[in-house]
Protein backbone atom coordinates (compact mmCIF):
# COMPACT_ATOMS: atom_id res chain seq x y z
CA MET A 1 284.84 -108.74 128.04
CA LYS A 2 287.25 -107.14 130.13
CA HIS A 3 286.43 -104.15 128.38
CA LEU A 4 283.06 -103.59 129.42
CA PHE A 5 283.89 -103.96 133.29
CA ALA A 6 284.70 -100.82 135.03
CA PRO A 7 288.34 -100.87 136.24
CA TYR A 8 289.11 -101.63 140.32
CA GLU A 9 289.48 -97.82 140.99
CA LEU A 10 286.28 -96.75 139.37
CA ALA A 11 284.85 -99.61 140.67
CA LEU A 12 286.18 -98.44 144.52
CA LEU A 13 284.81 -94.74 144.11
CA ALA A 14 281.37 -96.01 143.06
CA LYS A 15 280.97 -98.23 146.07
CA GLU A 16 282.36 -95.17 148.26
CA ASN A 17 279.48 -93.24 147.04
CA GLY A 18 277.40 -95.35 147.35
CA PHE A 19 276.91 -97.85 144.56
CA ASN A 20 275.46 -101.25 145.77
CA GLU A 21 273.73 -102.65 142.88
CA PRO A 22 273.91 -106.78 141.98
CA CYS A 23 276.86 -107.46 139.75
CA ILE A 24 278.21 -110.71 138.90
CA VAL A 25 281.71 -109.94 139.24
CA LEU A 26 283.86 -108.55 142.98
CA PHE A 27 287.16 -107.57 143.15
CA GLN A 28 288.85 -109.09 145.95
CA TYR A 29 292.17 -108.57 147.78
CA SER A 30 293.84 -107.15 144.53
CA TYR A 31 292.11 -106.14 141.12
CA ASP A 32 292.87 -108.72 139.02
CA GLU A 33 291.61 -111.70 141.15
CA GLU A 34 287.81 -112.01 140.03
CA MET A 35 284.87 -114.63 141.22
CA PRO A 36 281.42 -115.15 141.25
CA ARG A 37 279.82 -113.07 143.31
CA GLN A 38 278.36 -115.42 145.28
CA TYR A 39 281.90 -116.93 146.20
CA LEU A 40 282.95 -114.06 147.78
CA PRO A 41 282.82 -112.17 151.55
CA GLN A 42 280.86 -109.51 152.13
CA ASP A 43 284.09 -106.96 152.29
CA GLY A 44 284.60 -107.64 147.80
CA VAL A 45 284.30 -104.42 145.58
CA PRO A 46 281.84 -104.72 143.03
CA ARG A 47 282.83 -104.93 139.83
CA PRO A 48 279.54 -103.21 137.63
CA LEU A 49 279.75 -102.68 133.84
CA TYR A 50 280.72 -99.37 132.77
CA GLN A 51 276.42 -99.08 131.73
CA GLN A 52 275.51 -100.23 135.44
CA LEU A 53 277.61 -96.87 136.43
CA VAL A 54 275.78 -94.33 134.14
CA GLU A 55 272.57 -95.85 134.44
CA TRP A 56 272.76 -95.47 138.37
CA LEU A 57 273.97 -92.10 137.85
CA ASP A 58 271.35 -91.11 135.77
CA SER A 59 268.96 -92.03 138.89
CA LYS A 60 270.95 -90.13 140.72
CA GLY A 61 270.71 -87.29 138.60
CA VAL A 62 273.96 -87.17 137.24
CA VAL A 63 274.09 -87.69 133.49
CA ILE A 64 277.03 -88.72 131.25
CA CYS A 65 276.59 -87.77 127.61
CA PRO A 66 279.36 -88.68 125.48
CA ASP A 67 280.33 -86.42 122.14
CA TYR A 68 282.21 -87.27 119.01
CA ASN A 69 283.68 -84.49 116.71
CA GLY A 70 284.39 -87.33 114.12
CA ASN A 71 288.23 -87.41 115.13
CA THR A 72 287.87 -87.92 118.97
CA PHE A 73 285.51 -88.53 121.89
CA SER A 74 284.88 -85.98 124.71
CA ALA A 75 282.47 -85.87 127.58
CA LYS A 76 279.61 -83.39 129.29
CA ILE A 77 277.97 -84.41 132.40
CA PHE A 78 274.91 -82.59 133.49
CA ASP A 79 273.78 -82.51 137.38
CA LYS A 80 270.53 -82.47 138.70
CA ASN A 81 270.01 -78.83 138.14
CA GLY A 82 271.03 -78.86 134.38
CA PHE A 83 273.89 -77.60 134.89
CA TYR A 84 276.57 -79.39 132.75
CA ASP A 85 280.26 -79.08 132.41
CA THR A 86 282.69 -80.71 129.68
CA VAL A 87 285.21 -83.17 131.00
CA LYS A 88 288.46 -81.39 131.39
CA ASP A 89 292.06 -82.04 133.41
CA ARG A 90 293.77 -80.11 136.12
CA ASN A 91 294.92 -77.63 133.85
CA ASN A 92 291.13 -77.06 133.15
CA ASN A 93 291.44 -78.33 129.67
CA VAL A 94 289.05 -80.52 127.84
CA ILE A 95 289.66 -84.31 127.86
CA ARG A 96 289.80 -85.51 124.69
CA SER A 97 290.43 -89.28 123.25
CA SER A 98 290.14 -91.66 120.11
CA ASN A 99 289.27 -93.90 122.63
CA ARG A 100 285.54 -94.01 123.87
CA GLN A 101 285.84 -96.24 126.79
CA GLU A 102 288.52 -93.72 127.91
CA ILE A 103 286.23 -90.70 127.82
CA ILE A 104 283.88 -92.57 129.70
CA GLU A 105 286.10 -93.76 132.16
CA PHE A 106 287.15 -89.77 133.15
CA ALA A 107 283.41 -88.95 132.64
CA LEU A 108 282.29 -91.46 135.90
CA THR A 109 285.39 -90.46 137.66
CA GLU A 110 283.89 -86.78 138.08
CA ALA A 111 280.64 -87.47 137.58
CA PHE A 112 280.65 -88.76 141.31
CA LYS A 113 282.01 -85.97 142.37
CA LEU A 114 278.45 -84.20 142.18
CA ILE A 115 276.88 -86.99 144.21
């Protein structure tokens, strides 16, 4: 089930951008120690499902649309004004991967910049 949950860096980015939804898992002290939420102090970092982050961003007007061309995945991000861009690296090259989860993670990281 680990593939369902956002990694620590993404969970922390979400928290820093206002994500405060109930999660069944929190990170505490280091990102490999997980415990049910009710046993952790208030300062733990919620570990959301990827889908929770996608839906939360949707509610903020930022929409992630994965794309598959038959060989690789890429993603587009739409902001609340309807403008979009394809997820790109630092050199402005479109990021493509055969791993859907990797593309979602890149897209979520970029999407938080639009909030």
